[in-house]
PDB file of N, CA and C in Angstrom:
ATOM      1  N   MET A   1      89.178 144.130  94.958  1.00  0.00           N
ATOM      2  CA  MET A   1      89.469 142.827  94.387  1.00  0.00           C
ATOM      3  C   MET A   1      90.448 142.080  95.292  1.00  0.00           C
ATOM      4  N   GLU A   2      90.212 140.769  95.440  1.00  0.00           N
ATOM      5  CA  GLU A   2      91.048 139.962  96.342  1.00  0.00           C
ATOM      6  C   GLU A   2      92.403 139.672  95.731  1.00  0.00           C
ATOM      7  N   ASP A   3      93.339 139.456  96.629  1.00  0.00           N
ATOM      8  CA  ASP A   3      94.680 139.066  96.216  1.00  0.00           C
ATOM      9  C   ASP A   3      94.616 137.657  95.599  1.00  0.00           C
ATOM     10  N   PRO A   4      95.276 137.404  94.452  1.00  0.00           N
ATOM     11  CA  PRO A   4      95.223 136.076  93.821  1.00  0.00           C
ATOM     12  C   PRO A   4      95.745 134.964  94.732  1.00  0.00           C
ATOM     13  N   ARG A   5      96.723 135.301  95.564  1.00  0.00           N
ATOM     14  CA  ARG A   5      97.244 134.268  96.483  1.00  0.00           C
ATOM     15  C   ARG A   5      96.204 133.881  97.524  1.00  0.00           C
ATOM     16  N   GLN A   6      95.467 134.844  98.001  1.00  0.00           N
ATOM     17  CA  GLN A   6      94.410 134.562  98.972  1.00  0.00           C
ATOM     18  C   GLN A   6      93.309 133.710  98.340  1.00  0.00           C
ATOM     19  N   GLU A   7      93.023 134.005  97.082  1.00  0.00           N
ATOM     20  CA  GLU A   7      91.999 133.240  96.374  1.00  0.00           C
ATOM     21  C   GLU A   7      92.431 131.782  96.190  1.00  0.00           C
ATOM     22  N   VAL A   8      93.714 131.582  95.859  1.00  0.00           N
ATOM     23  CA  VAL A   8      94.252 130.223  95.698  1.00  0.00           C
ATOM     24  C   VAL A   8      94.215 129.493  97.029  1.00  0.00           C
ATOM     25  N   LYS A   9      94.565 130.176  98.119  1.00  0.00           N
ATOM     26  CA  LYS A   9      94.514 129.557  99.449  1.00  0.00           C
ATOM     27  C   LYS A   9      93.085 129.163  99.799  1.00  0.00           C
ATOM     28  N   LYS A  10      92.138 130.012  99.459  1.00  0.00           N
ATOM     29  CA  LYS A  10      90.732 129.724  99.740  1.00  0.00           C
ATOM     30  C   LYS A  10      90.265 128.483  98.978  1.00  0.00           C
ATOM     31  N   ILE A  11      90.652 128.387  97.703  1.00  0.00           N
ATOM     32  CA  ILE A  11      90.282 127.228  96.886  1.00  0.00           C
ATOM     33  C   ILE A  11      90.925 125.963  97.441  1.00  0.00           C
ATOM     34  N   ARG A  12      92.200 126.056  97.803  1.00  0.00           N
ATOM     35  CA  ARG A  12      92.887 124.894  98.384  1.00  0.00           C
ATOM     36  C   ARG A  12      92.218 124.447  99.674  1.00  0.00           C
ATOM     37  N   TRP A  13      91.837 125.395 100.501  1.00  0.00           N
ATOM     38  CA  TRP A  13      91.193 125.064 101.771  1.00  0.00           C
ATOM     39  C   TRP A  13      89.863 124.353 101.529  1.00  0.00           C
ATOM     40  N   GLU A  14      89.088 124.828 100.551  1.00  0.00           N
ATOM     41  CA  GLU A  14      87.818 124.186 100.227  1.00  0.00           C
ATOM     42  C   GLU A  14      88.028 122.759  99.727  1.00  0.00           C
ATOM     43  N   LYS A  15      89.020 122.562  98.877  1.00  0.00           N
ATOM     44  CA  LYS A  15      89.325 121.215  98.381  1.00  0.00           C
ATOM     45  C   LYS A  15      89.794 120.311  99.507  1.00  0.00           C
ATOM     46  N   LEU A  16      90.602 120.851 100.409  1.00  0.00           N
ATOM     47  CA  LEU A  16      91.091 120.077 101.546  1.00  0.00           C
ATOM     48  C   LEU A  16      89.933 119.634 102.435  1.00  0.00           C
ATOM     49  N   LYS A  17      88.970 120.512 102.644  1.00  0.00           N
ATOM     50  CA  LYS A  17      87.807 120.146 103.459  1.00  0.00           C
ATOM     51  C   LYS A  17      86.995 119.033 102.800  1.00  0.00           C
ATOM     52  N   LYS A  18      86.857 119.099 101.460  1.00  0.00           N
ATOM     53  CA  LYS A  18      86.113 118.052 100.750  1.00  0.00           C
ATOM     54  C   LYS A  18      86.819 116.706 100.863  1.00  0.00           C
ATOM     55  N   VAL A  19      88.126 116.705 100.658  1.00  0.00           N
ATOM     56  CA  VAL A  19      88.893 115.456 100.736  1.00  0.00           C
ATOM     57  C   VAL A  19      88.862 114.908 102.159  1.00  0.00           C
ATOM     58  N   ALA A  20      88.995 115.781 103.143  1.00  0.00           N
ATOM     59  CA  ALA A  20      88.968 115.335 104.540  1.00  0.00           C
ATOM     60  C   ALA A  20      87.606 114.749 104.902  1.00  0.00           C
ATOM     61  N   SER A  21      86.543 115.330 104.386  1.00  0.00           N
ATOM     62  CA  SER A  21      85.213 114.790 104.694  1.00  0.00           C
ATOM     63  C   SER A  21      85.001 113.423 104.050  1.00  0.00           C
ATOM     64  N   MET A  22      85.658 113.168 102.910  1.00  0.00           N
ATOM     65  CA  MET A  22      85.559 111.846 102.291  1.00  0.00           C
ATOM     66  C   MET A  22      86.465 110.834 102.985  1.00  0.00           C
ATOM     67  N   ALA A  23      87.598 111.283 103.485  1.00  0.00           N
ATOM     68  CA  ALA A  23      88.563 110.372 104.093  1.00  0.00           C
ATOM     69  C   ALA A  23      88.226 110.038 105.540  1.00  0.00           C
ATOM     70  N   ALA A  24      87.506 110.893 106.215  1.00  0.00           N
ATOM     71  CA  ALA A  24      87.223 110.695 107.638  1.00  0.00           C
ATOM     72  C   ALA A  24      86.559 109.347 107.940  1.00  0.00           C
ATOM     73  N   PRO A  25      85.531 108.919 107.202  1.00  0.00           N
ATOM     74  CA  PRO A  25      84.938 107.613 107.505  1.00  0.00           C
ATOM     75  C   PRO A  25      85.923 106.454 107.359  1.00  0.00           C
ATOM     76  N   MET A  26      86.802 106.521 106.370  1.00  0.00           N
ATOM     77  CA  MET A  26      87.790 105.448 106.193  1.00  0.00           C
ATOM     78  C   MET A  26      88.767 105.410 107.360  1.00  0.00           C
ATOM     79  N   VAL A  27      89.150 106.567 107.837  1.00  0.00           N
ATOM     80  CA  VAL A  27      90.064 106.637 108.980  1.00  0.00           C
ATOM     81  C   VAL A  27      89.393 106.046 110.217  1.00  0.00           C
ATOM     82  N   VAL A  28      88.134 106.385 110.433  1.00  0.00           N
ATOM     83  CA  VAL A  28      87.395 105.863 111.590  1.00  0.00           C
ATOM     84  C   VAL A  28      87.264 104.344 111.512  1.00  0.00           C
ATOM     85  N   VAL A  29      86.965 103.810 110.342  1.00  0.00           N
ATOM     86  CA  VAL A  29      86.825 102.360 110.181  1.00  0.00           C
ATOM     87  C   VAL A  29      88.148 101.652 110.465  1.00  0.00           C
ATOM     88  N   ASN A  30      89.247 102.171 109.940  1.00  0.00           N
ATOM     89  CA  ASN A  30      90.547 101.531 110.168  1.00  0.00           C
ATOM     90  C   ASN A  30      90.943 101.572 111.634  1.00  0.00           C
ATOM     91  N   ILE A  31      90.716 102.683 112.295  1.00  0.00           N
ATOM     92  CA  ILE A  31      91.032 102.776 113.722  1.00  0.00           C
ATOM     93  C   ILE A  31      90.138 101.831 114.521  1.00  0.00           C
ATOM     94  N   SER A  32      88.855 101.773 114.169  1.00  0.00           N
ATOM     95  CA  SER A  32      87.930 100.882 114.888  1.00  0.00           C
ATOM     96  C   SER A  32      88.324  99.418 114.720  1.00  0.00           C
ATOM     97  N   ARG A  33      88.730  99.054 113.509  1.00  0.00           N
ATOM     98  CA  ARG A  33      89.129  97.667 113.272  1.00  0.00           C
ATOM     99  C   ARG A  33      90.354  97.300 114.102  1.00  0.00           C
ATOM    100  N   TYR A  34      91.308  98.209 114.168  1.00  0.00           N
ATOM    101  CA  TYR A  34      92.500  97.960 114.980  1.00  0.00           C
ATOM    102  C   TYR A  34      92.129  97.885 116.458  1.00  0.00           C
ATOM    103  N   LEU A  35      91.310  98.807 116.932  1.00  0.00           N
ATOM    104  CA  LEU A  35      90.942  98.814 118.348  1.00  0.00           C
ATOM    105  C   LEU A  35      90.124  97.580 118.724  1.00  0.00           C
ATOM    106  N   LEU A  36      89.294  97.094 117.831  1.00  0.00           N
ATOM    107  CA  LEU A  36      88.510  95.891 118.122  1.00  0.00           C
ATOM    108  C   LEU A  36      89.424  94.706 118.394  1.00  0.00           C
ATOM    109  N   ARG A  37      90.434  94.556 117.554  1.00  0.00           N
ATOM    110  CA  ARG A  37      91.386  93.456 117.745  1.00  0.00           C
ATOM    111  C   ARG A  37      92.203  93.646 119.020  1.00  0.00           C
ATOM    112  N   ALA A  38      92.629  94.862 119.270  1.00  0.00           N
ATOM    113  CA  ALA A  38      93.440  95.133 120.457  1.00  0.00           C
ATOM    114  C   ALA A  38      92.639  94.939 121.737  1.00  0.00           C
ATOM    115  N   ILE A  39      91.403  95.404 121.750  1.00  0.00           N
ATOM    116  CA  ILE A  39      90.577  95.284 122.952  1.00  0.00           C
ATOM    117  C   ILE A  39      90.228  93.832 123.229  1.00  0.00           C
ATOM    118  N   SER A  40      89.892  93.064 122.201  1.00  0.00           N
ATOM    119  CA  SER A  40      89.578  91.652 122.443  1.00  0.00           C
ATOM    120  C   SER A  40      90.807  90.898 122.934  1.00  0.00           C
ATOM    121  N   THR A  41      91.985  91.261 122.450  1.00  0.00           N
ATOM    122  CA  THR A  41      93.209  90.632 122.936  1.00  0.00           C
ATOM    123  C   THR A  41      93.457  90.999 124.394  1.00  0.00           C
ATOM    124  N   MET A  42      93.202  92.234 124.770  1.00  0.00           N
ATOM    125  CA  MET A  42      93.389  92.654 126.165  1.00  0.00           C
ATOM    126  C   MET A  42      92.414  91.937 127.099  1.00  0.00           C
ATOM    127  N   ILE A  43      91.177  91.778 126.652  1.00  0.00           N
ATOM    128  CA  ILE A  43      90.181  91.108 127.492  1.00  0.00           C
ATOM    129  C   ILE A  43      90.576  89.657 127.715  1.00  0.00           C
ATOM    130  N   VAL A  44      90.988  88.963 126.668  1.00  0.00           N
ATOM    131  CA  VAL A  44      91.391  87.562 126.798  1.00  0.00           C
ATOM    132  C   VAL A  44      92.691  87.457 127.599  1.00  0.00           C
ATOM    133  N   GLY A  45      93.538  88.470 127.525  1.00  0.00           N
ATOM    134  CA  GLY A  45      94.808  88.463 128.247  1.00  0.00           C
ATOM    135  C   GLY A  45      94.648  88.395 129.744  1.00  0.00           C
ATOM    136  N   HIS A  46      93.483  88.762 130.247  1.00  0.00           N
ATOM    137  CA  HIS A  46      93.250  88.680 131.697  1.00  0.00           C
ATOM    138  C   HIS A  46      93.008  87.246 132.160  1.00  0.00           C
ATOM    139  N   LYS A  47      92.707  86.353 131.246  1.00  0.00           N
ATOM    140  CA  LYS A  47      92.443  84.956 131.612  1.00  0.00           C
ATOM    141  C   LYS A  47      93.736  84.219 131.943  1.00  0.00           C
ATOM    142  N   SER A  48      94.606  84.065 130.945  1.00  0.00           N
ATOM    143  CA  SER A  48      95.876  83.373 131.163  1.00  0.00           C
ATOM    144  C   SER A  48      96.816  83.680 130.012  1.00  0.00           C
ATOM    145  N   GLU A  49      98.071  83.300 130.213  1.00  0.00           N
ATOM    146  CA  GLU A  49      99.060  83.549 129.166  1.00  0.00           C
ATOM    147  C   GLU A  49      98.799  82.692 127.933  1.00  0.00           C
ATOM    148  N   ILE A  50      98.327  81.459 128.155  1.00  0.00           N
ATOM    149  CA  ILE A  50      98.040  80.563 127.032  1.00  0.00           C
ATOM    150  C   ILE A  50      96.887  81.132 126.195  1.00  0.00           C
ATOM    151  N   SER A  51      95.866  81.643 126.862  1.00  0.00           N
ATOM    152  CA  SER A  51      94.740  82.242 126.139  1.00  0.00           C
ATOM    153  C   SER A  51      95.192  83.460 125.351  1.00  0.00           C
ATOM    154  N   LEU A  52      96.055  84.253 125.953  1.00  0.00           N
ATOM    155  CA  LEU A  52      96.568  85.439 125.278  1.00  0.00           C
ATOM    156  C   LEU A  52      97.359  85.051 124.035  1.00  0.00           C
ATOM    157  N   ALA A  53      98.211  84.051 124.158  1.00  0.00           N
ATOM    158  CA  ALA A  53      98.997  83.604 123.009  1.00  0.00           C
ATOM    159  C   ALA A  53      98.083  83.052 121.918  1.00  0.00           C
ATOM    160  N   GLY A  54      97.071  82.292 122.318  1.00  0.00           N
ATOM    161  CA  GLY A  54      96.145  81.712 121.351  1.00  0.00           C
ATOM    162  C   GLY A  54      95.363  82.761 120.595  1.00  0.00           C
ATOM    163  N   ILE A  55      94.832  83.745 121.308  1.00  0.00           N
ATOM    164  CA  ILE A  55      94.036  84.773 120.627  1.00  0.00           C
ATOM    165  C   ILE A  55      94.917  85.655 119.754  1.00  0.00           C
ATOM    166  N   ALA A  56      96.152  85.898 120.177  1.00  0.00           N
ATOM    167  CA  ALA A  56      97.063  86.711 119.366  1.00  0.00           C
ATOM    168  C   ALA A  56      97.387  85.995 118.059  1.00  0.00           C
ATOM    169  N   LEU A  57      97.698  84.708 118.139  1.00  0.00           N
ATOM    170  CA  LEU A  57      97.988  83.943 116.928  1.00  0.00           C
ATOM    171  C   LEU A  57      96.761  83.807 116.036  1.00  0.00           C
ATOM    172  N   ALA A  58      95.629  83.511 116.651  1.00  0.00           N
ATOM    173  CA  ALA A  58      94.408  83.310 115.863  1.00  0.00           C
ATOM    174  C   ALA A  58      93.967  84.591 115.168  1.00  0.00           C
ATOM    175  N   SER A  59      93.998  85.693 115.878  1.00  0.00           N
ATOM    176  CA  SER A  59      93.546  86.940 115.254  1.00  0.00           C
ATOM    177  C   SER A  59      94.509  87.405 114.173  1.00  0.00           C
ATOM    178  N   THR A  60      95.798  87.186 114.385  1.00  0.00           N
ATOM    179  CA  THR A  60      96.768  87.549 113.358  1.00  0.00           C
ATOM    180  C   THR A  60      96.594  86.686 112.118  1.00  0.00           C
ATOM    181  N   LEU A  61      96.449  85.385 112.314  1.00  0.00           N
ATOM    182  CA  LEU A  61      96.261  84.477 111.187  1.00  0.00           C
ATOM    183  C   LEU A  61      94.972  84.787 110.435  1.00  0.00           C
ATOM    184  N   ALA A  62      93.897  85.011 111.171  1.00  0.00           N
ATOM    185  CA  ALA A  62      92.618  85.318 110.527  1.00  0.00           C
ATOM    186  C   ALA A  62      92.692  86.645 109.786  1.00  0.00           C
ATOM    187  N   SER A  63      93.338  87.596 110.389  1.00  0.00           N
ATOM    188  CA  SER A  63      93.456  88.913 109.767  1.00  0.00           C
ATOM    189  C   SER A  63      94.255  88.839 108.480  1.00  0.00           C
ATOM    190  N   VAL A  64      95.410  88.214 108.526  1.00  0.00           N
ATOM    191  CA  VAL A  64      96.273  88.136 107.344  1.00  0.00           C
ATOM    192  C   VAL A  64      95.629  87.284 106.261  1.00  0.00           C
ATOM    193  N   THR A  65      95.153  86.106 106.621  1.00  0.00           N
ATOM    194  CA  THR A  65      94.563  85.206 105.640  1.00  0.00           C
ATOM    195  C   THR A  65      93.274  85.777 105.064  1.00  0.00           C
ATOM    196  N   GLY A  66      92.408  86.240 105.938  1.00  0.00           N
ATOM    197  CA  GLY A  66      91.123  86.766 105.483  1.00  0.00           C
ATOM    198  C   GLY A  66      91.262  87.970 104.593  1.00  0.00           C
ATOM    199  N   PHE A  67      92.040  88.928 105.011  1.00  0.00           N
ATOM    200  CA  PHE A  67      92.184  90.137 104.215  1.00  0.00           C
ATOM    201  C   PHE A  67      92.913  89.866 102.909  1.00  0.00           C
ATOM    202  N   THR A  68      93.861  88.952 102.927  1.00  0.00           N
ATOM    203  CA  THR A  68      94.566  88.617 101.696  1.00  0.00           C
ATOM    204  C   THR A  68      93.605  88.015 100.679  1.00  0.00           C
ATOM    205  N   LEU A  69      92.782  87.084 101.116  1.00  0.00           N
ATOM    206  CA  LEU A  69      91.818  86.482 100.189  1.00  0.00           C
ATOM    207  C   LEU A  69      90.807  87.496  99.684  1.00  0.00           C
ATOM    208  N   ILE A  70      90.338  88.357 100.567  1.00  0.00           N
ATOM    209  CA  ILE A  70      89.348  89.355 100.153  1.00  0.00           C
ATOM    210  C   ILE A  70      89.947  90.308  99.126  1.00  0.00           C
ATOM    211  N   VAL A  71      91.149  90.784  99.388  1.00  0.00           N
ATOM    212  CA  VAL A  71      91.782  91.723  98.462  1.00  0.00           C
ATOM    213  C   VAL A  71      92.085  91.050  97.137  1.00  0.00           C
ATOM    214  N   ARG A  72      92.568  89.825  97.172  1.00  0.00           N
ATOM    215  CA  ARG A  72      92.890  89.130  95.928  1.00  0.00           C
ATOM    216  C   ARG A  72      91.625  88.829  95.132  1.00  0.00           C
ATOM    217  N   ARG A  73      90.548  88.472  95.795  1.00  0.00           N
ATOM    218  CA  ARG A  73      89.304  88.204  95.071  1.00  0.00           C
ATOM    219  C   ARG A  73      88.730  89.493  94.501  1.00  0.00           C
ATOM    220  N   ALA A  74      88.883  90.585  95.237  1.00  0.00           N
ATOM    221  CA  ALA A  74      88.350  91.855  94.761  1.00  0.00           C
ATOM    222  C   ALA A  74      89.134  92.368  93.564  1.00  0.00           C
ATOM    223  N   SER A  75      90.414  92.024  93.496  1.00  0.00           N
ATOM    224  CA  SER A  75      91.230  92.540  92.402  1.00  0.00           C
ATOM    225  C   SER A  75      91.329  91.580  91.220  1.00  0.00           C
ATOM    226  N   ALA A  76      90.716  90.408  91.310  1.00  0.00           N
ATOM    227  CA  ALA A  76      90.769  89.440  90.214  1.00  0.00           C
ATOM    228  C   ALA A  76      89.857  89.891  89.073  1.00  0.00           C
ATOM    229  N   ASP A  77      90.144  89.415  87.886  1.00  0.00           N
ATOM    230  CA  ASP A  77      89.355  89.755  86.712  1.00  0.00           C
ATOM    231  C   ASP A  77      88.313  88.658  86.481  1.00  0.00           C
ATOM    232  N   PRO A  78      87.029  88.930  86.764  1.00  0.00           N
ATOM    233  CA  PRO A  78      86.004  87.888  86.620  1.00  0.00           C
ATOM    234  C   PRO A  78      85.743  87.489  85.175  1.00  0.00           C
ATOM    235  N   LYS A  79      86.257  88.252  84.208  1.00  0.00           N
ATOM    236  CA  LYS A  79      86.064  87.900  82.806  1.00  0.00           C
ATOM    237  C   LYS A  79      86.964  86.746  82.385  1.00  0.00           C
ATOM    238  N   LYS A  80      88.035  86.527  83.148  1.00  0.00           N
ATOM    239  CA  LYS A  80      88.917  85.408  82.831  1.00  0.00           C
ATOM    240  C   LYS A  80      88.227  84.102  83.213  1.00  0.00           C
ATOM    241  N   LYS A  81      88.653  83.035  82.587  1.00  0.00           N
ATOM    242  CA  LYS A  81      88.007  81.745  82.795  1.00  0.00           C
ATOM    243  C   LYS A  81      88.232  81.209  84.216  1.00  0.00           C
ATOM    244  N   ASN A  82      89.454  81.249  84.707  1.00  0.00           N
ATOM    245  CA  ASN A  82      89.774  80.697  86.021  1.00  0.00           C
ATOM    246  C   ASN A  82      90.075  81.804  87.023  1.00  0.00           C
ATOM    247  N   TRP A  83      89.235  82.819  87.099  1.00  0.00           N
ATOM    248  CA  TRP A  83      89.521  83.947  87.966  1.00  0.00           C
ATOM    249  C   TRP A  83      89.510  83.552  89.437  1.00  0.00           C
ATOM    250  N   PHE A  84      88.670  82.584  89.807  1.00  0.00           N
ATOM    251  CA  PHE A  84      88.628  82.184  91.205  1.00  0.00           C
ATOM    252  C   PHE A  84      89.919  81.467  91.614  1.00  0.00           C
ATOM    253  N   MET A  85      90.458  80.650  90.741  1.00  0.00           N
ATOM    254  CA  MET A  85      91.705  79.940  91.064  1.00  0.00           C
ATOM    255  C   MET A  85      92.878  80.895  91.147  1.00  0.00           C
ATOM    256  N   GLU A  86      92.832  81.995  90.386  1.00  0.00           N
ATOM    257  CA  GLU A  86      93.900  82.999  90.483  1.00  0.00           C
ATOM    258  C   GLU A  86      93.940  83.602  91.873  1.00  0.00           C
ATOM    259  N   CYS A  87      92.794  83.708  92.510  1.00  0.00           N
ATOM    260  CA  CYS A  87      92.726  84.298  93.847  1.00  0.00           C
ATOM    261  C   CYS A  87      93.430  83.418  94.874  1.00  0.00           C
ATOM    262  N   LEU A  88      93.441  82.140  94.636  1.00  0.00           N
ATOM    263  CA  LEU A  88      93.984  81.219  95.614  1.00  0.00           C
ATOM    264  C   LEU A  88      95.462  80.957  95.401  1.00  0.00           C
ATOM    265  N   ASP A  89      96.030  81.402  94.296  1.00  0.00           N
ATOM    266  CA  ASP A  89      97.475  81.185  94.039  1.00  0.00           C
ATOM    267  C   ASP A  89      98.328  82.021  94.948  1.00  0.00           C
TER     268      ASP A  89
END
């Protein structure tokens, strides 16, 4: 008969593998999104300093504004009457 501690470790390891397999795609997507922004900024940075400043500001503004609206719209309650206006507040 196996040691109870070994059995608990085995169960924990199996659960850890399941959670890691579910989390891996999310980790890859987040890293890819960051690298896409960084690589496009590096490519534009070879043109001129003004282009680099412009793309840095534009991508930051688009990222913050876009993601904020998406998250707020996703978390709004569509059963409320003015749910769309709540997203814009």
